[in-house]
Amino acid sequence: KKPVDTTPLPPLPKDSGGATGTPLRALGFGGLGIDAARGLAVDDKGATYVAGYFDADLDFGGTIGKATAPAKDPKTPATQGYLGKVNPDGKLAWAQTFGAERDDVANAVAVKGDTVVVVGSFLDTIKIGELTKKASGSDDAIVIAYNREGVAQWAWNIGGIDSDGANSIAATPDGGWVIGGSFSRTVE
């Protein structure tokens, strides 16, 4: 076995952009169950988009209020995905939730221009604003595009008979999106 190196790391150079590492503001929201932030993206105007999931309920506070995840059995609530926009002043501008009676999650978010895209997975069916999608099999990967005001623009899903999901997304310079995820057996 090689001994562990205990030499201290050199100090980081001072940030020429003025960053100090000191928090400027904090924002919290949550509920009594599981609340998980899975992805963050920052737009060109300084707004931050946060994507994740929750079970039971999630209180966003203020005028946005509380969201409740529907469940077939109240003792085992399903998870729902969420996407929220935090303005540069640190205040929550809006929040959207999506899902149905079984587990649905948001895993990552990216922003390019006026489009915010969140990816994740869902079971059976999913309701996103006025849009509804049905899974091909067990659970499918989902890709949802919103505008900067939080209105769903389109949704796309991909899947097969087994478990599928999208875990990462990045905007490309030509206006497209690269999505990473996984599938089992076959996918359509």
N, C-alpha and C. Protein backbone atom coordinates (compact mmCIF):
# COMPACT_ATOMS: atom_id res chain seq x y z
N LYS A 1 0.83 -1.19 0.00
CA LYS A 1 0.00 0.00 0.00
C LYS A 1 0.87 1.24 0.00
N LYS A 2 0.43 2.22 -0.74
CA LYS A 2 1.13 3.49 -0.79
C LYS A 2 0.58 4.40 0.32
N PRO A 3 1.44 5.06 1.10
CA PRO A 3 0.95 5.95 2.16
C PRO A 3 0.20 7.15 1.55
N VAL A 4 -0.80 7.63 2.31
CA VAL A 4 -1.59 8.77 1.89
C VAL A 4 -0.77 10.04 2.03
N ASP A 5 -0.77 10.86 0.97
CA ASP A 5 -0.04 12.13 0.99
C ASP A 5 -0.78 13.11 1.89
N THR A 6 -0.11 13.65 2.88
CA THR A 6 -0.73 14.59 3.81
C THR A 6 -0.22 16.02 3.61
N THR A 7 0.47 16.27 2.51
CA THR A 7 0.96 17.60 2.23
C THR A 7 -0.23 18.53 1.98
N PRO A 8 -0.29 19.68 2.66
CA PRO A 8 -1.42 20.60 2.43
C PRO A 8 -1.39 21.14 1.00
N LEU A 9 -2.59 21.38 0.49
CA LEU A 9 -2.71 21.96 -0.84
C LEU A 9 -2.27 23.42 -0.79
N PRO A 10 -1.75 23.96 -1.88
CA PRO A 10 -1.37 25.37 -1.88
C PRO A 10 -2.62 26.24 -1.81
N PRO A 11 -2.49 27.45 -1.28
CA PRO A 11 -3.66 28.34 -1.20
C PRO A 11 -4.13 28.71 -2.61
N LEU A 12 -5.44 28.88 -2.73
CA LEU A 12 -5.99 29.28 -4.02
C LEU A 12 -5.63 30.73 -4.31
N PRO A 13 -5.39 31.06 -5.58
CA PRO A 13 -5.10 32.46 -5.90
C PRO A 13 -6.35 33.32 -5.71
N LYS A 14 -6.15 34.58 -5.44
CA LYS A 14 -7.26 35.51 -5.27
C LYS A 14 -8.01 35.62 -6.60
N ASP A 15 -9.34 35.62 -6.53
CA ASP A 15 -10.16 35.71 -7.72
C ASP A 15 -10.11 37.13 -8.28
N SER A 16 -9.68 37.26 -9.52
CA SER A 16 -9.57 38.59 -10.13
C SER A 16 -10.94 39.21 -10.41
N GLY A 17 -11.99 38.39 -10.39
CA GLY A 17 -13.34 38.90 -10.65
C GLY A 17 -14.03 39.45 -9.42
N GLY A 18 -13.40 39.37 -8.27
CA GLY A 18 -13.98 39.93 -7.06
C GLY A 18 -14.73 38.94 -6.19
N ALA A 19 -14.79 37.66 -6.57
CA ALA A 19 -15.49 36.67 -5.74
C ALA A 19 -14.71 36.45 -4.45
N THR A 20 -15.44 36.33 -3.36
CA THR A 20 -14.81 36.14 -2.05
C THR A 20 -15.12 34.78 -1.44
N GLY A 21 -16.11 34.09 -1.96
CA GLY A 21 -16.54 32.83 -1.37
C GLY A 21 -17.55 33.03 -0.26
N THR A 22 -17.87 34.27 0.06
CA THR A 22 -18.85 34.58 1.08
C THR A 22 -20.24 34.55 0.44
N PRO A 23 -21.21 33.82 1.05
CA PRO A 23 -22.56 33.79 0.48
C PRO A 23 -23.16 35.19 0.44
N LEU A 24 -23.85 35.49 -0.66
CA LEU A 24 -24.52 36.78 -0.81
C LEU A 24 -25.96 36.73 -0.34
N ARG A 25 -26.61 35.60 -0.55
CA ARG A 25 -28.01 35.43 -0.14
C ARG A 25 -28.31 33.94 -0.08
N ALA A 26 -29.42 33.62 0.55
CA ALA A 26 -29.86 32.23 0.64
C ALA A 26 -31.36 32.18 0.44
N LEU A 27 -31.83 31.09 -0.11
CA LEU A 27 -33.26 30.88 -0.35
C LEU A 27 -33.56 29.44 -0.04
N GLY A 28 -34.62 29.20 0.67
CA GLY A 28 -34.99 27.83 1.00
C GLY A 28 -36.46 27.60 0.77
N PHE A 29 -36.81 26.40 0.38
CA PHE A 29 -38.20 25.96 0.31
C PHE A 29 -38.19 24.46 0.53
N GLY A 30 -39.29 23.93 1.03
CA GLY A 30 -39.34 22.51 1.30
C GLY A 30 -40.65 22.11 1.93
N GLY A 31 -40.70 20.85 2.34
CA GLY A 31 -41.91 20.31 2.96
C GLY A 31 -41.52 19.30 4.03
N LEU A 32 -42.46 18.45 4.38
CA LEU A 32 -42.23 17.48 5.44
C LEU A 32 -41.59 16.19 4.93
N GLY A 33 -41.61 15.97 3.63
CA GLY A 33 -41.03 14.76 3.05
C GLY A 33 -39.66 15.03 2.47
N ILE A 34 -39.36 14.27 1.43
CA ILE A 34 -38.08 14.41 0.74
C ILE A 34 -38.16 15.58 -0.23
N ASP A 35 -37.16 16.45 -0.21
CA ASP A 35 -37.03 17.57 -1.15
C ASP A 35 -35.59 17.52 -1.65
N ALA A 36 -35.41 17.39 -2.93
CA ALA A 36 -34.05 17.27 -3.46
C ALA A 36 -33.86 18.17 -4.67
N ALA A 37 -32.87 19.03 -4.59
CA ALA A 37 -32.46 19.83 -5.76
C ALA A 37 -31.45 18.98 -6.52
N ARG A 38 -31.65 18.81 -7.83
CA ARG A 38 -30.77 17.94 -8.62
C ARG A 38 -29.96 18.70 -9.66
N GLY A 39 -30.43 19.88 -10.07
CA GLY A 39 -29.71 20.61 -11.11
C GLY A 39 -29.90 22.10 -10.99
N LEU A 40 -28.87 22.86 -11.43
CA LEU A 40 -28.89 24.32 -11.44
C LEU A 40 -28.39 24.82 -12.78
N ALA A 41 -28.95 25.92 -13.23
CA ALA A 41 -28.47 26.59 -14.44
C ALA A 41 -28.67 28.09 -14.24
N VAL A 42 -27.78 28.88 -14.80
CA VAL A 42 -27.85 30.34 -14.69
C VAL A 42 -27.97 30.92 -16.09
N ASP A 43 -28.94 31.84 -16.28
CA ASP A 43 -29.11 32.45 -17.61
C ASP A 43 -28.24 33.69 -17.75
N ASP A 44 -28.27 34.29 -18.93
CA ASP A 44 -27.42 35.44 -19.23
C ASP A 44 -27.82 36.71 -18.50
N LYS A 45 -28.97 36.71 -17.81
CA LYS A 45 -29.41 37.88 -17.04
C LYS A 45 -29.18 37.68 -15.54
N GLY A 46 -28.60 36.54 -15.15
CA GLY A 46 -28.28 36.28 -13.76
C GLY A 46 -29.33 35.52 -12.98
N ALA A 47 -30.43 35.11 -13.63
CA ALA A 47 -31.44 34.30 -12.95
C ALA A 47 -30.94 32.86 -12.85
N THR A 48 -31.31 32.19 -11.78
CA THR A 48 -30.91 30.80 -11.55
C THR A 48 -32.15 29.91 -11.64
N TYR A 49 -32.02 28.80 -12.31
CA TYR A 49 -33.10 27.82 -12.43
C TYR A 49 -32.67 26.58 -11.65
N VAL A 50 -33.57 26.10 -10.79
CA VAL A 50 -33.28 24.92 -9.98
C VAL A 50 -34.32 23.85 -10.29
N ALA A 51 -33.86 22.62 -10.52
CA ALA A 51 -34.73 21.50 -10.82
C ALA A 51 -34.50 20.40 -9.80
N GLY A 52 -35.55 19.68 -9.47
CA GLY A 52 -35.43 18.58 -8.52
C GLY A 52 -36.73 17.83 -8.38
N TYR A 53 -36.92 17.24 -7.21
CA TYR A 53 -38.15 16.49 -6.95
C TYR A 53 -38.50 16.57 -5.48
N PHE A 54 -39.75 16.22 -5.17
CA PHE A 54 -40.24 16.20 -3.79
C PHE A 54 -41.30 15.12 -3.67
N ASP A 55 -41.54 14.69 -2.42
CA ASP A 55 -42.69 13.83 -2.19
C ASP A 55 -43.60 14.50 -1.18
N ALA A 56 -44.83 14.07 -1.13
CA ALA A 56 -45.85 14.63 -0.25
C ALA A 56 -46.18 16.07 -0.65
N ASP A 57 -45.51 17.04 -0.03
CA ASP A 57 -45.79 18.43 -0.38
C ASP A 57 -44.51 19.25 -0.38
N LEU A 58 -44.59 20.40 -1.02
CA LEU A 58 -43.45 21.31 -1.10
C LEU A 58 -43.98 22.73 -0.99
N ASP A 59 -43.54 23.46 0.02
CA ASP A 59 -43.99 24.83 0.23
C ASP A 59 -42.94 25.78 -0.34
N PHE A 60 -43.29 26.46 -1.41
CA PHE A 60 -42.39 27.42 -2.04
C PHE A 60 -42.42 28.76 -1.33
N GLY A 61 -43.41 28.97 -0.46
CA GLY A 61 -43.51 30.20 0.31
C GLY A 61 -44.10 31.36 -0.48
N GLY A 62 -44.31 32.45 0.22
CA GLY A 62 -44.80 33.69 -0.40
C GLY A 62 -46.06 33.49 -1.21
N THR A 63 -46.14 34.19 -2.32
CA THR A 63 -47.33 34.12 -3.18
C THR A 63 -47.36 32.87 -4.03
N ILE A 64 -46.25 32.13 -4.11
CA ILE A 64 -46.21 30.92 -4.93
C ILE A 64 -46.95 29.79 -4.25
N GLY A 65 -46.80 29.65 -2.95
CA GLY A 65 -47.58 28.70 -2.19
C GLY A 65 -47.05 27.29 -2.17
N LYS A 66 -47.97 26.35 -1.97
CA LYS A 66 -47.63 24.95 -1.72
C LYS A 66 -48.10 24.07 -2.87
N ALA A 67 -47.31 23.05 -3.18
CA ALA A 67 -47.67 22.04 -4.17
C ALA A 67 -47.78 20.70 -3.43
N THR A 68 -48.74 19.89 -3.84
CA THR A 68 -48.94 18.58 -3.24
C THR A 68 -48.83 17.52 -4.32
N ALA A 69 -48.04 16.48 -4.03
CA ALA A 69 -47.89 15.38 -4.97
C ALA A 69 -49.07 14.42 -4.81
N PRO A 70 -49.79 14.16 -5.91
CA PRO A 70 -50.89 13.20 -5.80
C PRO A 70 -50.34 11.79 -5.54
N ALA A 71 -51.14 10.97 -4.88
CA ALA A 71 -50.69 9.61 -4.59
C ALA A 71 -51.89 8.67 -4.55
N LYS A 72 -51.69 7.46 -5.05
CA LYS A 72 -52.73 6.44 -4.96
C LYS A 72 -52.93 6.04 -3.50
N ASP A 73 -51.84 5.98 -2.75
CA ASP A 73 -51.87 5.62 -1.34
C ASP A 73 -51.22 6.75 -0.54
N PRO A 74 -51.98 7.48 0.29
CA PRO A 74 -51.42 8.60 1.05
C PRO A 74 -50.25 8.22 1.96
N LYS A 75 -50.14 6.93 2.34
CA LYS A 75 -49.05 6.50 3.20
C LYS A 75 -47.72 6.41 2.44
N THR A 76 -47.78 6.30 1.13
CA THR A 76 -46.56 6.25 0.31
C THR A 76 -46.70 7.25 -0.84
N PRO A 77 -46.49 8.54 -0.56
CA PRO A 77 -46.68 9.55 -1.60
C PRO A 77 -45.66 9.39 -2.73
N ALA A 78 -46.10 9.72 -3.90
CA ALA A 78 -45.24 9.68 -5.08
C ALA A 78 -44.38 10.93 -5.11
N THR A 79 -43.29 10.87 -5.87
CA THR A 79 -42.48 12.08 -6.04
C THR A 79 -42.95 12.82 -7.28
N GLN A 80 -42.78 14.13 -7.27
CA GLN A 80 -43.06 14.98 -8.41
C GLN A 80 -41.83 15.81 -8.70
N GLY A 81 -41.66 16.15 -9.97
CA GLY A 81 -40.57 17.02 -10.35
C GLY A 81 -40.95 18.48 -10.18
N TYR A 82 -39.94 19.33 -10.05
CA TYR A 82 -40.20 20.77 -10.00
C TYR A 82 -39.10 21.52 -10.74
N LEU A 83 -39.45 22.71 -11.18
CA LEU A 83 -38.52 23.66 -11.77
C LEU A 83 -38.88 25.02 -11.23
N GLY A 84 -37.89 25.73 -10.69
CA GLY A 84 -38.13 27.06 -10.15
C GLY A 84 -37.13 28.06 -10.70
N LYS A 85 -37.56 29.31 -10.76
CA LYS A 85 -36.68 30.39 -11.21
C LYS A 85 -36.43 31.34 -10.05
N VAL A 86 -35.14 31.59 -9.76
CA VAL A 86 -34.74 32.53 -8.72
C VAL A 86 -34.14 33.75 -9.42
N ASN A 87 -34.73 34.91 -9.19
CA ASN A 87 -34.24 36.15 -9.79
C ASN A 87 -32.87 36.51 -9.24
N PRO A 88 -32.13 37.39 -9.93
CA PRO A 88 -30.81 37.79 -9.43
C PRO A 88 -30.82 38.40 -8.03
N ASP A 89 -31.98 38.93 -7.58
CA ASP A 89 -32.06 39.49 -6.23
C ASP A 89 -32.27 38.41 -5.16
N GLY A 90 -32.34 37.13 -5.58
CA GLY A 90 -32.49 36.02 -4.64
C GLY A 90 -33.91 35.65 -4.31
N LYS A 91 -34.90 36.27 -4.96
CA LYS A 91 -36.30 35.96 -4.70
C LYS A 91 -36.83 34.96 -5.74
N LEU A 92 -37.66 34.03 -5.27
CA LEU A 92 -38.25 33.03 -6.15
C LEU A 92 -39.29 33.71 -7.04
N ALA A 93 -39.08 33.68 -8.36
CA ALA A 93 -39.99 34.32 -9.31
C ALA A 93 -41.19 33.43 -9.61
N TRP A 94 -40.96 32.15 -9.84
CA TRP A 94 -42.02 31.19 -10.11
C TRP A 94 -41.51 29.78 -9.88
N ALA A 95 -42.46 28.86 -9.75
CA ALA A 95 -42.13 27.44 -9.62
C ALA A 95 -43.21 26.64 -10.33
N GLN A 96 -42.79 25.61 -11.03
CA GLN A 96 -43.70 24.69 -11.71
C GLN A 96 -43.43 23.29 -11.20
N THR A 97 -44.48 22.52 -11.00
CA THR A 97 -44.33 21.12 -10.64
C THR A 97 -44.95 20.28 -11.73
N PHE A 98 -44.49 19.05 -11.85
CA PHE A 98 -45.07 18.15 -12.85
C PHE A 98 -45.00 16.73 -12.36
N GLY A 99 -46.01 15.97 -12.75
CA GLY A 99 -46.06 14.57 -12.36
C GLY A 99 -47.48 14.06 -12.32
N ALA A 100 -47.60 12.83 -11.86
CA ALA A 100 -48.90 12.18 -11.72
C ALA A 100 -48.88 11.37 -10.44
N GLU A 101 -49.58 10.23 -10.40
CA GLU A 101 -49.73 9.48 -9.16
C GLU A 101 -48.56 8.55 -8.85
N ARG A 102 -47.57 8.47 -9.72
CA ARG A 102 -46.40 7.63 -9.44
C ARG A 102 -45.15 8.49 -9.53
N ASP A 103 -43.98 7.91 -9.25
CA ASP A 103 -42.75 8.70 -9.11
C ASP A 103 -42.29 9.37 -10.41
N ASP A 104 -42.10 10.68 -10.31
CA ASP A 104 -41.61 11.51 -11.41
C ASP A 104 -40.52 12.41 -10.83
N VAL A 105 -39.42 12.59 -11.57
CA VAL A 105 -38.31 13.39 -11.06
C VAL A 105 -37.74 14.30 -12.14
N ALA A 106 -37.14 15.40 -11.71
CA ALA A 106 -36.34 16.26 -12.58
C ALA A 106 -34.90 16.10 -12.11
N ASN A 107 -33.99 15.82 -13.05
CA ASN A 107 -32.59 15.55 -12.70
C ASN A 107 -31.61 16.64 -13.10
N ALA A 108 -31.94 17.43 -14.11
CA ALA A 108 -30.99 18.44 -14.59
C ALA A 108 -31.75 19.52 -15.35
N VAL A 109 -31.09 20.67 -15.48
CA VAL A 109 -31.69 21.80 -16.19
C VAL A 109 -30.58 22.55 -16.93
N ALA A 110 -30.95 23.11 -18.08
CA ALA A 110 -30.03 23.96 -18.86
C ALA A 110 -30.85 25.10 -19.45
N VAL A 111 -30.18 26.21 -19.74
CA VAL A 111 -30.87 27.36 -20.31
C VAL A 111 -30.05 27.90 -21.47
N LYS A 112 -30.76 28.30 -22.52
CA LYS A 112 -30.13 28.91 -23.69
C LYS A 112 -31.14 29.89 -24.28
N GLY A 113 -30.77 31.16 -24.35
CA GLY A 113 -31.69 32.17 -24.87
C GLY A 113 -32.93 32.26 -23.99
N ASP A 114 -34.09 32.15 -24.60
CA ASP A 114 -35.35 32.22 -23.86
C ASP A 114 -35.92 30.86 -23.50
N THR A 115 -35.15 29.80 -23.69
CA THR A 115 -35.64 28.45 -23.45
C THR A 115 -34.91 27.80 -22.27
N VAL A 116 -35.69 27.25 -21.36
CA VAL A 116 -35.18 26.53 -20.19
C VAL A 116 -35.64 25.08 -20.36
N VAL A 117 -34.71 24.14 -20.37
CA VAL A 117 -35.06 22.73 -20.59
C VAL A 117 -34.67 21.92 -19.36
N VAL A 118 -35.62 21.13 -18.87
CA VAL A 118 -35.40 20.25 -17.72
C VAL A 118 -35.58 18.81 -18.18
N VAL A 119 -34.76 17.90 -17.64
CA VAL A 119 -34.85 16.49 -17.99
C VAL A 119 -34.99 15.64 -16.74
N GLY A 120 -35.58 14.45 -16.90
CA GLY A 120 -35.76 13.54 -15.78
C GLY A 120 -36.39 12.25 -16.24
N SER A 121 -37.28 11.73 -15.40
CA SER A 121 -37.99 10.50 -15.75
C SER A 121 -39.38 10.53 -15.13
N PHE A 122 -40.28 9.71 -15.69
CA PHE A 122 -41.64 9.62 -15.17
C PHE A 122 -42.17 8.20 -15.37
N LEU A 123 -43.16 7.85 -14.56
CA LEU A 123 -43.83 6.55 -14.65
C LEU A 123 -45.24 6.75 -15.19
N ASP A 124 -45.67 5.86 -16.06
CA ASP A 124 -47.03 5.80 -16.59
C ASP A 124 -47.40 7.03 -17.43
N THR A 125 -47.96 8.05 -16.79
CA THR A 125 -48.32 9.29 -17.50
C THR A 125 -47.80 10.47 -16.70
N ILE A 126 -47.67 11.60 -17.39
CA ILE A 126 -47.20 12.81 -16.73
C ILE A 126 -47.98 13.99 -17.29
N LYS A 127 -48.34 14.91 -16.42
CA LYS A 127 -49.06 16.13 -16.81
C LYS A 127 -48.12 17.30 -16.57
N ILE A 128 -47.90 18.09 -17.64
CA ILE A 128 -47.01 19.25 -17.59
C ILE A 128 -47.82 20.43 -18.14
N GLY A 129 -48.39 21.23 -17.26
CA GLY A 129 -49.26 22.30 -17.73
C GLY A 129 -50.40 21.70 -18.53
N GLU A 130 -50.53 22.11 -19.79
CA GLU A 130 -51.57 21.58 -20.67
C GLU A 130 -51.12 20.33 -21.42
N LEU A 131 -49.85 19.95 -21.28
CA LEU A 131 -49.30 18.81 -22.00
C LEU A 131 -49.42 17.53 -21.18
N THR A 132 -49.72 16.41 -21.85
CA THR A 132 -49.77 15.11 -21.21
C THR A 132 -48.94 14.14 -22.04
N LYS A 133 -48.12 13.33 -21.36
CA LYS A 133 -47.31 12.31 -22.03
C LYS A 133 -47.57 10.96 -21.38
N LYS A 134 -47.51 9.90 -22.19
CA LYS A 134 -47.68 8.53 -21.70
C LYS A 134 -46.39 7.77 -21.93
N ALA A 135 -45.94 7.03 -20.90
CA ALA A 135 -44.71 6.25 -20.99
C ALA A 135 -44.90 5.05 -21.91
N SER A 136 -43.82 4.67 -22.57
CA SER A 136 -43.85 3.51 -23.46
C SER A 136 -43.89 2.21 -22.68
N GLY A 137 -43.31 2.21 -21.49
CA GLY A 137 -43.25 0.99 -20.69
C GLY A 137 -43.23 1.35 -19.23
N SER A 138 -42.22 0.91 -18.52
CA SER A 138 -42.09 1.14 -17.09
C SER A 138 -41.99 2.64 -16.79
N ASP A 139 -40.81 3.20 -16.95
CA ASP A 139 -40.63 4.65 -16.82
C ASP A 139 -39.84 5.14 -18.01
N ASP A 140 -40.11 6.35 -18.42
CA ASP A 140 -39.50 6.95 -19.60
C ASP A 140 -38.68 8.16 -19.22
N ALA A 141 -37.73 8.51 -20.07
CA ALA A 141 -37.02 9.77 -19.96
C ALA A 141 -37.95 10.87 -20.46
N ILE A 142 -37.88 12.03 -19.82
CA ILE A 142 -38.70 13.17 -20.21
C ILE A 142 -37.81 14.39 -20.41
N VAL A 143 -38.13 15.17 -21.44
CA VAL A 143 -37.46 16.43 -21.74
C VAL A 143 -38.56 17.47 -21.87
N ILE A 144 -38.50 18.53 -21.07
CA ILE A 144 -39.55 19.55 -21.06
C ILE A 144 -38.91 20.92 -21.27
N ALA A 145 -39.45 21.66 -22.23
CA ALA A 145 -38.97 23.03 -22.50
C ALA A 145 -39.97 24.03 -21.95
N TYR A 146 -39.45 25.00 -21.21
CA TYR A 146 -40.24 26.11 -20.67
C TYR A 146 -39.68 27.41 -21.24
N ASN A 147 -40.52 28.46 -21.24
CA ASN A 147 -39.97 29.78 -21.52
C ASN A 147 -39.51 30.39 -20.19
N ARG A 148 -38.93 31.56 -20.22
CA ARG A 148 -38.39 32.18 -19.00
C ARG A 148 -39.48 32.59 -18.00
N GLU A 149 -40.73 32.58 -18.45
CA GLU A 149 -41.84 32.90 -17.55
C GLU A 149 -42.43 31.66 -16.91
N GLY A 150 -41.91 30.45 -17.23
CA GLY A 150 -42.36 29.22 -16.60
C GLY A 150 -43.50 28.52 -17.31
N VAL A 151 -43.78 28.88 -18.55
CA VAL A 151 -44.85 28.24 -19.31
C VAL A 151 -44.24 27.12 -20.15
N ALA A 152 -44.80 25.91 -20.01
CA ALA A 152 -44.31 24.76 -20.77
C ALA A 152 -44.56 24.99 -22.27
N GLN A 153 -43.51 24.79 -23.08
CA GLN A 153 -43.59 25.00 -24.52
C GLN A 153 -43.75 23.68 -25.27
N TRP A 154 -43.02 22.67 -24.86
CA TRP A 154 -43.12 21.34 -25.47
C TRP A 154 -42.53 20.31 -24.52
N ALA A 155 -42.89 19.07 -24.75
CA ALA A 155 -42.35 17.96 -23.97
C ALA A 155 -42.11 16.79 -24.91
N TRP A 156 -41.07 16.04 -24.64
CA TRP A 156 -40.66 14.91 -25.47
C TRP A 156 -40.25 13.78 -24.54
N ASN A 157 -40.70 12.56 -24.85
CA ASN A 157 -40.27 11.43 -24.02
C ASN A 157 -39.72 10.33 -24.90
N ILE A 158 -38.87 9.51 -24.28
CA ILE A 158 -38.24 8.39 -24.97
C ILE A 158 -38.18 7.23 -23.98
N GLY A 159 -38.46 6.03 -24.49
CA GLY A 159 -38.40 4.90 -23.59
C GLY A 159 -38.70 3.59 -24.27
N GLY A 160 -38.64 2.56 -23.49
CA GLY A 160 -38.93 1.20 -23.92
C GLY A 160 -39.71 0.50 -22.84
N ILE A 161 -39.64 -0.83 -22.83
CA ILE A 161 -40.45 -1.58 -21.87
C ILE A 161 -39.87 -1.57 -20.45
N ASP A 162 -38.59 -1.25 -20.31
CA ASP A 162 -37.97 -1.22 -18.99
C ASP A 162 -37.66 0.22 -18.57
N SER A 163 -36.79 0.36 -17.60
CA SER A 163 -36.50 1.65 -16.99
C SER A 163 -35.61 2.53 -17.88
N ASP A 164 -36.03 3.77 -18.07
CA ASP A 164 -35.30 4.75 -18.88
C ASP A 164 -35.32 6.09 -18.14
N GLY A 165 -34.29 6.90 -18.32
CA GLY A 165 -34.27 8.20 -17.68
C GLY A 165 -33.22 9.11 -18.27
N ALA A 166 -33.44 10.41 -18.16
CA ALA A 166 -32.48 11.42 -18.58
C ALA A 166 -31.87 12.03 -17.33
N ASN A 167 -30.53 12.11 -17.30
CA ASN A 167 -29.83 12.57 -16.10
C ASN A 167 -29.06 13.86 -16.28
N SER A 168 -28.79 14.27 -17.52
CA SER A 168 -28.01 15.49 -17.73
C SER A 168 -28.41 16.13 -19.05
N ILE A 169 -28.15 17.44 -19.14
CA ILE A 169 -28.46 18.19 -20.36
C ILE A 169 -27.51 19.36 -20.47
N ALA A 170 -27.17 19.70 -21.71
CA ALA A 170 -26.34 20.88 -21.98
C ALA A 170 -26.83 21.52 -23.27
N ALA A 171 -26.82 22.84 -23.30
CA ALA A 171 -27.16 23.57 -24.52
C ALA A 171 -25.94 23.59 -25.44
N THR A 172 -26.18 23.49 -26.74
CA THR A 172 -25.09 23.54 -27.71
C THR A 172 -25.05 24.91 -28.36
N PRO A 173 -23.89 25.32 -28.88
CA PRO A 173 -23.77 26.66 -29.48
C PRO A 173 -24.72 26.89 -30.66
N ASP A 174 -25.13 25.81 -31.36
CA ASP A 174 -26.00 25.98 -32.52
C ASP A 174 -27.49 26.03 -32.16
N GLY A 175 -27.81 26.06 -30.85
CA GLY A 175 -29.21 26.15 -30.43
C GLY A 175 -29.83 24.81 -30.07
N GLY A 176 -29.10 23.73 -30.19
CA GLY A 176 -29.62 22.41 -29.85
C GLY A 176 -29.35 22.04 -28.41
N TRP A 177 -29.63 20.80 -28.08
CA TRP A 177 -29.48 20.29 -26.73
C TRP A 177 -28.85 18.91 -26.79
N VAL A 178 -27.93 18.62 -25.87
CA VAL A 178 -27.34 17.30 -25.73
C VAL A 178 -27.88 16.74 -24.42
N ILE A 179 -28.46 15.53 -24.49
CA ILE A 179 -29.09 14.91 -23.34
C ILE A 179 -28.39 13.60 -23.03
N GLY A 180 -28.07 13.37 -21.77
CA GLY A 180 -27.46 12.12 -21.34
C GLY A 180 -28.39 11.37 -20.41
N GLY A 181 -28.40 10.05 -20.52
CA GLY A 181 -29.25 9.25 -19.66
C GLY A 181 -28.97 7.79 -19.82
N SER A 182 -29.97 6.98 -19.53
CA SER A 182 -29.80 5.54 -19.63
C SER A 182 -31.10 4.88 -20.05
N PHE A 183 -30.97 3.65 -20.58
CA PHE A 183 -32.15 2.84 -20.88
C PHE A 183 -31.78 1.38 -20.70
N SER A 184 -32.80 0.55 -20.52
CA SER A 184 -32.61 -0.88 -20.36
C SER A 184 -33.18 -1.59 -21.58
N ARG A 185 -32.48 -2.61 -22.03
CA ARG A 185 -32.88 -3.43 -23.17
C ARG A 185 -32.97 -2.61 -24.45
N THR A 186 -34.20 -2.21 -24.80
CA THR A 186 -34.40 -1.46 -26.05
C THR A 186 -35.10 -0.14 -25.75
N VAL A 187 -35.01 0.78 -26.69
CA VAL A 187 -35.64 2.09 -26.53
C VAL A 187 -36.19 2.53 -27.87
N GLU A 188 -37.32 3.22 -27.85
CA GLU A 188 -37.90 3.79 -29.07
C GLU A 188 -37.84 5.29 -29.03
